[in-house]
Amino acid sequence: MEKELVFGHQKPDTDAITAAMAFSYFQNQLGYETEAVALGEPNDETKFALNKFGMQAPRVVKTVANEVDKVMLVDHNEPQQSVSDIDKVTVTHLVDHHRLANFNTAQPLWATLRPYGCVSTILTEMFQEKHINIPANLAGMMLSAIISDTLLLNSPTTTDHDREAVKYLAKVAGVADYKEYGVAMLKAGANVDAKDDATIVDGDAKTFELGGTKMRIGQVNAVELDDVFKRQDDLEKKMHELMDENGYQLFILIATNILNSDSELLVVGDDTDKVEEAFGHKLGDNKRMNLPGVVSRKKQVVPPLTKAFEG
């Protein structure tokens, strides 16, 4: 059986990297030959988890067609969020918890799509359904991914499936208090003073095309939002640079307070009136908009923007 690569989206977060590792292990137990890879370096939060559970990050690749003919995707399906040469390989498997958009294949594939808070929750159930044991260190990474994607089960994307998976994985991983561990991990990723401007605005960012508008939506977690916006001039400059380099017409940065689950948007570019329409709030003179209780890009930001831009 020929080798396949397994990977998540560009600018990988903890779930994108962990899901690739977990799905690769899962498929190898079923007889496939796979390798988990990543489309970028792990962020500080992911590094914290990797160190905690004694695991190595997958190697980073820029292209895949030079290595394999077939790939498996996790935690994404939109081509603009995937590897640059995705059109040159065959996608055989997909495991995701996002919307399907601009995704098509020439051949049928195995696809598991569930509206959970995290792909690692889906994978936990897949392991259980096949009666495959999850190694303790991998369970720890999967636990970390769910905590990350659901902000310690506080995001509106959180489901009962995520809650059950967290309890199960914490037991397998030997984590006595997942809440204590989760706070420490989230704080490790929320130290914005240690991040450069590009990492803050684009370290966890995805590209969307809505109603003909190409936009970039980034998100950064912080303990204090002032730690982000005290650098606003420099952040705006970096956002404009990335817009010029990549043809984005709009750039939105979501700054999220991990302690109180509130967010503030910083918006630069065209069609800002549609952003105001999407959320029912006006941007201030500082180009910012306060959104209490908003923490999920997938569920609370992209859907209203889609409605506003696509009608």
Protein backbone atom coordinates (compact mmCIF):
# COMPACT_ATOMS: atom_id res chain seq x y z
CA MET A 1 0.00 0.00 0.00
CA GLU A 2 1.48 3.33 -1.01
CA LYS A 3 2.24 5.94 1.59
CA GLU A 4 -0.14 8.83 2.21
CA LEU A 5 0.43 12.11 4.08
CA VAL A 6 -2.04 13.35 6.68
CA PHE A 7 -2.26 17.04 7.51
CA GLY A 8 -4.41 19.89 8.80
CA HIS A 9 -4.76 23.46 7.61
CA GLN A 10 -2.19 26.19 7.06
CA LYS A 11 -1.14 28.16 10.16
CA PRO A 12 -1.86 25.05 12.24
CA ASP A 13 -3.38 25.28 15.69
CA THR A 14 -3.30 22.57 18.33
CA ASP A 15 -6.19 20.63 16.79
CA ALA A 16 -4.79 20.75 13.25
CA ILE A 17 -1.47 19.27 14.36
CA THR A 18 -2.95 16.82 16.85
CA ALA A 19 -5.67 15.61 14.48
CA ALA A 20 -3.05 14.79 11.85
CA MET A 21 -1.03 12.85 14.42
CA ALA A 22 -4.09 11.02 15.76
CA PHE A 23 -5.65 10.19 12.39
CA SER A 24 -2.33 8.97 11.04
CA TYR A 25 -1.94 6.64 14.04
CA PHE A 26 -5.56 5.49 13.64
CA GLN A 27 -5.14 4.70 9.94
CA ASN A 28 -1.85 2.91 10.54
CA GLN A 29 -3.64 0.61 12.98
CA LEU A 30 -6.06 -0.21 10.14
CA GLY A 31 -3.24 -1.17 7.81
CA TYR A 32 -2.58 2.05 5.92
CA GLU A 33 0.89 3.51 5.58
CA THR A 34 0.65 7.16 6.57
CA GLU A 35 2.74 9.98 8.00
CA ALA A 36 1.43 13.00 9.85
CA VAL A 37 2.89 16.27 8.57
CA ALA A 38 2.10 19.93 9.18
CA LEU A 39 1.71 22.99 6.96
CA GLY A 40 3.49 25.21 9.46
CA GLU A 41 5.37 25.27 12.76
CA PRO A 42 3.45 24.64 16.01
CA ASN A 43 2.41 27.70 18.00
CA ASP A 44 3.35 28.30 21.64
CA GLU A 45 0.22 26.61 22.94
CA THR A 46 0.86 23.48 20.87
CA LYS A 47 4.52 23.44 21.93
CA PHE A 48 3.38 23.52 25.56
CA ALA A 49 1.21 20.45 24.99
CA LEU A 50 3.90 18.62 23.01
CA ASN A 51 6.39 19.21 25.82
CA LYS A 52 3.88 18.18 28.48
CA PHE A 53 3.21 14.83 26.82
CA GLY A 54 6.68 14.18 25.44
CA MET A 55 5.79 14.16 21.75
CA GLN A 56 7.55 15.50 18.67
CA ALA A 57 5.82 17.86 16.26
CA PRO A 58 5.25 16.51 12.74
CA ARG A 59 7.70 17.70 10.11
CA VAL A 60 6.65 20.75 8.11
CA VAL A 61 5.99 20.47 4.37
CA LYS A 62 5.38 23.16 1.77
CA THR A 63 4.19 20.81 -0.98
CA VAL A 64 3.05 17.19 -1.08
CA ALA A 65 2.80 16.13 -4.73
CA ASN A 66 6.59 15.74 -4.84
CA GLU A 67 6.29 13.01 -2.18
CA VAL A 68 2.95 11.21 -2.60
CA ASP A 69 -0.02 10.79 -4.90
CA LYS A 70 -2.65 10.56 -2.15
CA VAL A 71 -3.37 12.50 1.03
CA MET A 72 -5.77 12.58 3.96
CA LEU A 73 -7.16 15.88 5.27
CA VAL A 74 -8.12 16.77 8.81
CA ASP A 75 -9.58 19.95 10.34
CA HIS A 76 -10.15 21.66 6.98
CA ASN A 77 -11.53 21.14 3.52
CA GLU A 78 -11.40 24.50 1.75
CA PRO A 79 -8.57 24.48 -0.84
CA GLN A 80 -7.33 27.96 0.08
CA GLN A 81 -6.65 26.69 3.60
CA SER A 82 -4.77 23.61 2.43
CA VAL A 83 -1.40 22.80 0.90
CA SER A 84 -0.53 24.83 -2.20
CA ASP A 85 -0.54 21.83 -4.55
CA ILE A 86 -3.67 20.12 -3.22
CA ASP A 87 -5.03 20.05 -6.79
CA LYS A 88 -2.19 17.73 -7.82
CA VAL A 89 -2.99 14.90 -5.40
CA THR A 90 -5.98 12.67 -4.62
CA VAL A 91 -7.76 13.21 -1.32
CA THR A 92 -8.77 9.78 -0.01
CA HIS A 93 -10.02 10.68 3.49
CA LEU A 94 -11.46 13.75 5.20
CA VAL A 95 -12.26 14.29 8.88
CA ASP A 96 -13.59 17.75 9.68
CA HIS A 97 -15.92 19.84 11.82
CA HIS A 98 -16.13 22.93 9.60
CA ARG A 99 -18.47 23.94 6.82
CA LEU A 100 -17.91 22.39 3.40
CA ALA A 101 -16.88 25.04 0.89
CA ASN A 102 -15.22 24.92 -2.54
CA PHE A 103 -14.40 21.27 -1.93
CA ASN A 104 -14.74 18.71 -4.68
CA THR A 105 -12.92 15.56 -5.70
CA ALA A 106 -12.56 13.55 -8.90
CA GLN A 107 -13.11 10.30 -7.01
CA PRO A 108 -15.25 9.18 -4.06
CA LEU A 109 -13.59 9.40 -0.65
CA TRP A 110 -14.05 8.43 2.97
CA ALA A 111 -15.47 11.48 4.76
CA THR A 112 -16.42 11.92 8.40
CA LEU A 113 -18.02 15.28 9.13
CA ARG A 114 -19.55 15.99 12.50
CA PRO A 115 -20.60 19.37 13.97
CA TYR A 116 -18.51 19.01 17.11
CA GLY A 117 -16.28 21.54 18.80
CA CYS A 118 -13.08 19.79 17.76
CA VAL A 119 -11.84 17.23 15.24
CA SER A 120 -10.04 15.41 18.04
CA THR A 121 -13.46 14.69 19.54
CA ILE A 122 -14.55 13.07 16.29
CA LEU A 123 -11.35 11.03 16.27
CA THR A 124 -11.87 9.95 19.86
CA GLU A 125 -15.21 8.45 18.87
CA MET A 126 -13.66 6.83 15.80
CA PHE A 127 -11.04 5.14 18.00
CA GLN A 128 -13.80 3.94 20.32
CA GLU A 129 -15.97 2.69 17.45
CA LYS A 130 -13.08 0.59 16.15
CA HIS A 131 -12.00 -0.49 19.66
CA ILE A 132 -8.50 0.91 19.09
CA ASN A 133 -6.66 2.00 22.23
CA ILE A 134 -5.27 5.53 22.27
CA PRO A 135 -1.70 5.79 23.64
CA ALA A 136 -1.53 7.96 26.76
CA ASN A 137 0.65 10.67 25.23
CA LEU A 138 -1.55 10.91 22.13
CA ALA A 139 -4.63 11.07 24.36
CA GLY A 140 -3.00 14.00 26.14
CA MET A 141 -2.53 15.82 22.86
CA MET A 142 -6.15 15.11 21.84
CA LEU A 143 -7.30 16.42 25.22
CA SER A 144 -5.23 19.55 24.61
CA ALA A 145 -6.78 20.03 21.17
CA ILE A 146 -10.33 19.91 22.52
CA ILE A 147 -9.46 22.32 25.33
CA SER A 148 -7.93 24.65 22.74
CA ASP A 149 -10.76 24.56 20.22
CA THR A 150 -13.51 24.93 22.84
CA LEU A 151 -11.66 27.32 25.17
CA LEU A 152 -11.88 24.81 27.99
CA LEU A 153 -15.44 23.80 27.01
CA ASN A 154 -16.67 27.41 27.19
CA SER A 155 -17.12 28.02 23.46
CA PRO A 156 -20.64 27.84 21.96
CA THR A 157 -19.24 25.20 19.61
CA THR A 158 -18.89 22.83 22.57
CA THR A 159 -21.12 19.76 22.45
CA ASP A 160 -21.82 16.93 24.87
CA HIS A 161 -19.55 14.83 22.66
CA ASP A 162 -16.66 17.19 23.46
CA ARG A 163 -17.40 17.08 27.18
CA GLU A 164 -17.45 13.29 27.21
CA ALA A 165 -14.28 13.08 25.15
CA VAL A 166 -12.44 15.40 27.55
CA LYS A 167 -13.33 13.20 30.53
CA TYR A 168 -12.31 10.05 28.68
CA LEU A 169 -9.03 11.44 27.31
CA ALA A 170 -8.01 12.98 30.63
CA LYS A 171 -8.34 9.56 32.24
CA VAL A 172 -6.36 7.84 29.48
CA ALA A 173 -3.66 10.52 29.57
CA GLY A 174 -3.40 10.50 33.34
CA VAL A 175 -4.38 14.17 33.73
CA ALA A 176 -5.93 14.45 37.18
CA ASP A 177 -7.35 17.98 36.76
CA TYR A 178 -7.97 18.86 33.11
CA LYS A 179 -9.24 22.35 34.04
CA GLU A 180 -6.01 23.25 35.82
CA TYR A 181 -3.97 21.87 32.94
CA GLY A 182 -6.19 23.61 30.39
CA VAL A 183 -5.79 27.04 31.98
CA ALA A 184 -2.01 26.62 32.03
CA MET A 185 -1.96 25.56 28.38
CA LEU A 186 -4.22 28.39 27.21
CA LYS A 187 -2.15 30.94 29.10
CA ALA A 188 1.00 29.58 27.48
CA GLY A 189 -0.49 30.38 24.10
CA ALA A 190 -1.87 33.76 25.17
CA ASN A 191 1.40 35.54 25.95
CA VAL A 192 1.11 38.16 23.20
CA ASP A 193 4.13 40.12 24.44
CA ALA A 194 6.25 37.18 23.26
CA LYS A 195 4.74 37.24 19.76
CA ASP A 196 5.78 39.40 16.82
CA ASP A 197 3.21 41.38 14.81
CA ALA A 198 2.91 38.77 12.06
CA THR A 199 2.24 36.00 14.57
CA ILE A 200 -0.47 37.99 16.31
CA VAL A 201 -2.43 38.87 13.17
CA ASP A 202 -1.67 35.83 11.02
CA GLY A 203 -0.49 33.07 13.35
CA ASP A 204 -4.00 31.61 13.54
CA ALA A 205 -5.65 32.95 10.40
CA LYS A 206 -7.75 31.53 7.59
CA THR A 207 -8.72 32.83 4.18
CA PHE A 208 -12.36 33.01 3.11
CA GLU A 209 -14.02 34.10 -0.12
CA LEU A 210 -17.47 35.46 0.66
CA GLY A 211 -19.61 37.12 -1.97
CA GLY A 212 -16.60 37.79 -4.17
CA THR A 213 -14.58 39.32 -1.33
CA LYS A 214 -11.32 37.64 -0.38
CA MET A 215 -10.82 38.12 3.33
CA ARG A 216 -8.39 36.98 5.96
CA ILE A 217 -9.71 36.31 9.46
CA GLY A 218 -7.13 35.91 12.19
CA GLN A 219 -7.62 35.22 15.87
CA VAL A 220 -5.35 35.71 18.84
CA ASN A 221 -5.99 34.77 22.46
CA ALA A 222 -4.91 37.01 25.29
CA VAL A 223 -5.34 37.38 29.03
CA GLU A 224 -5.76 41.15 28.62
CA LEU A 225 -6.94 42.65 25.31
CA ASP A 226 -4.96 45.80 26.06
CA ASP A 227 -1.85 43.67 25.57
CA VAL A 228 -2.94 43.28 21.93
CA PHE A 229 -4.23 46.75 21.13
CA LYS A 230 -1.38 48.68 22.68
CA ARG A 231 0.38 47.62 19.45
CA GLN A 232 -2.51 48.48 17.14
CA ASP A 233 -0.58 50.79 14.80
CA ASP A 234 2.03 48.13 14.14
CA LEU A 235 -0.61 45.42 13.81
CA GLU A 236 -2.53 47.46 11.23
CA LYS A 237 0.66 48.00 9.27
CA LYS A 238 1.32 44.27 9.19
CA MET A 239 -2.28 43.54 8.17
CA HIS A 240 -2.00 45.96 5.24
CA GLU A 241 1.31 44.37 4.20
CA LEU A 242 -0.30 40.93 4.13
CA MET A 243 -3.27 42.28 2.20
CA ASP A 244 -0.98 43.75 -0.46
CA GLU A 245 1.07 40.54 -0.70
CA ASN A 246 -1.87 38.15 -0.93
CA GLY A 247 -4.69 40.13 -2.52
CA TYR A 248 -6.94 40.18 0.54
CA GLN A 249 -9.58 42.88 0.32
CA LEU A 250 -10.47 42.71 3.99
CA PHE A 251 -8.55 41.67 7.10
CA ILE A 252 -10.25 40.99 10.41
CA LEU A 253 -8.35 40.26 13.61
CA ILE A 254 -10.35 38.70 16.45
CA ALA A 255 -8.71 39.35 19.82
CA THR A 256 -10.23 37.02 22.44
CA ASN A 257 -9.92 37.24 26.19
CA ILE A 258 -9.57 33.63 27.35
CA LEU A 259 -10.65 34.48 30.91
CA ASN A 260 -14.01 36.16 30.25
CA SER A 261 -14.78 34.87 26.72
CA ASP A 262 -15.17 38.33 25.19
CA SER A 263 -13.66 39.45 21.88
CA GLU A 264 -12.87 42.64 20.06
CA LEU A 265 -12.49 42.91 16.29
CA LEU A 266 -9.91 45.02 14.49
CA VAL A 267 -11.02 45.55 10.88
CA VAL A 268 -9.06 47.02 7.96
CA GLY A 269 -9.82 47.07 4.24
CA ASP A 270 -12.92 47.27 2.06
CA ASP A 271 -16.59 46.64 2.81
CA THR A 272 -16.35 47.46 6.50
CA ASP A 273 -20.02 48.46 6.33
CA LYS A 274 -20.88 44.81 5.69
CA VAL A 275 -18.90 43.81 8.76
CA GLU A 276 -21.04 46.27 10.74
CA GLU A 277 -24.15 44.77 9.15
CA ALA A 278 -23.02 41.27 10.06
CA PHE A 279 -22.72 41.97 13.77
CA GLY A 280 -25.19 44.81 14.23
CA HIS A 281 -22.54 47.12 15.68
CA LYS A 282 -20.63 50.12 14.39
CA LEU A 283 -16.87 50.19 14.16
CA GLY A 284 -15.38 52.90 16.29
CA ASP A 285 -12.98 55.52 15.03
CA ASN A 286 -10.28 53.12 16.19
CA LYS A 287 -11.54 50.52 13.64
CA ARG A 288 -12.55 48.20 16.47
CA MET A 289 -15.78 46.53 17.53
CA ASN A 290 -16.49 44.98 20.91
CA LEU A 291 -18.29 41.61 20.78
CA PRO A 292 -19.05 40.27 24.28
CA GLY A 293 -19.40 36.51 24.45
CA VAL A 294 -17.94 35.92 20.99
CA VAL A 295 -15.09 33.39 20.98
CA SER A 296 -15.69 31.13 17.96
CA ARG A 297 -14.59 32.16 14.47
CA LYS A 298 -16.34 29.12 13.02
CA LYS A 299 -19.73 29.57 14.69
CA GLN A 300 -19.98 33.22 15.72
CA VAL A 301 -17.93 35.14 13.16
CA VAL A 302 -17.94 33.41 9.77
CA PRO A 303 -21.72 32.65 9.62
CA PRO A 304 -22.89 36.28 10.12
CA LEU A 305 -20.20 37.50 7.72
CA THR A 306 -21.35 34.95 5.15
CA LYS A 307 -24.92 36.18 5.47
CA ALA A 308 -23.89 39.82 5.13
CA PHE A 309 -21.55 39.31 2.17
CA GLU A 310 -23.51 36.68 0.26
CA GLY A 311 -27.06 37.78 1.13
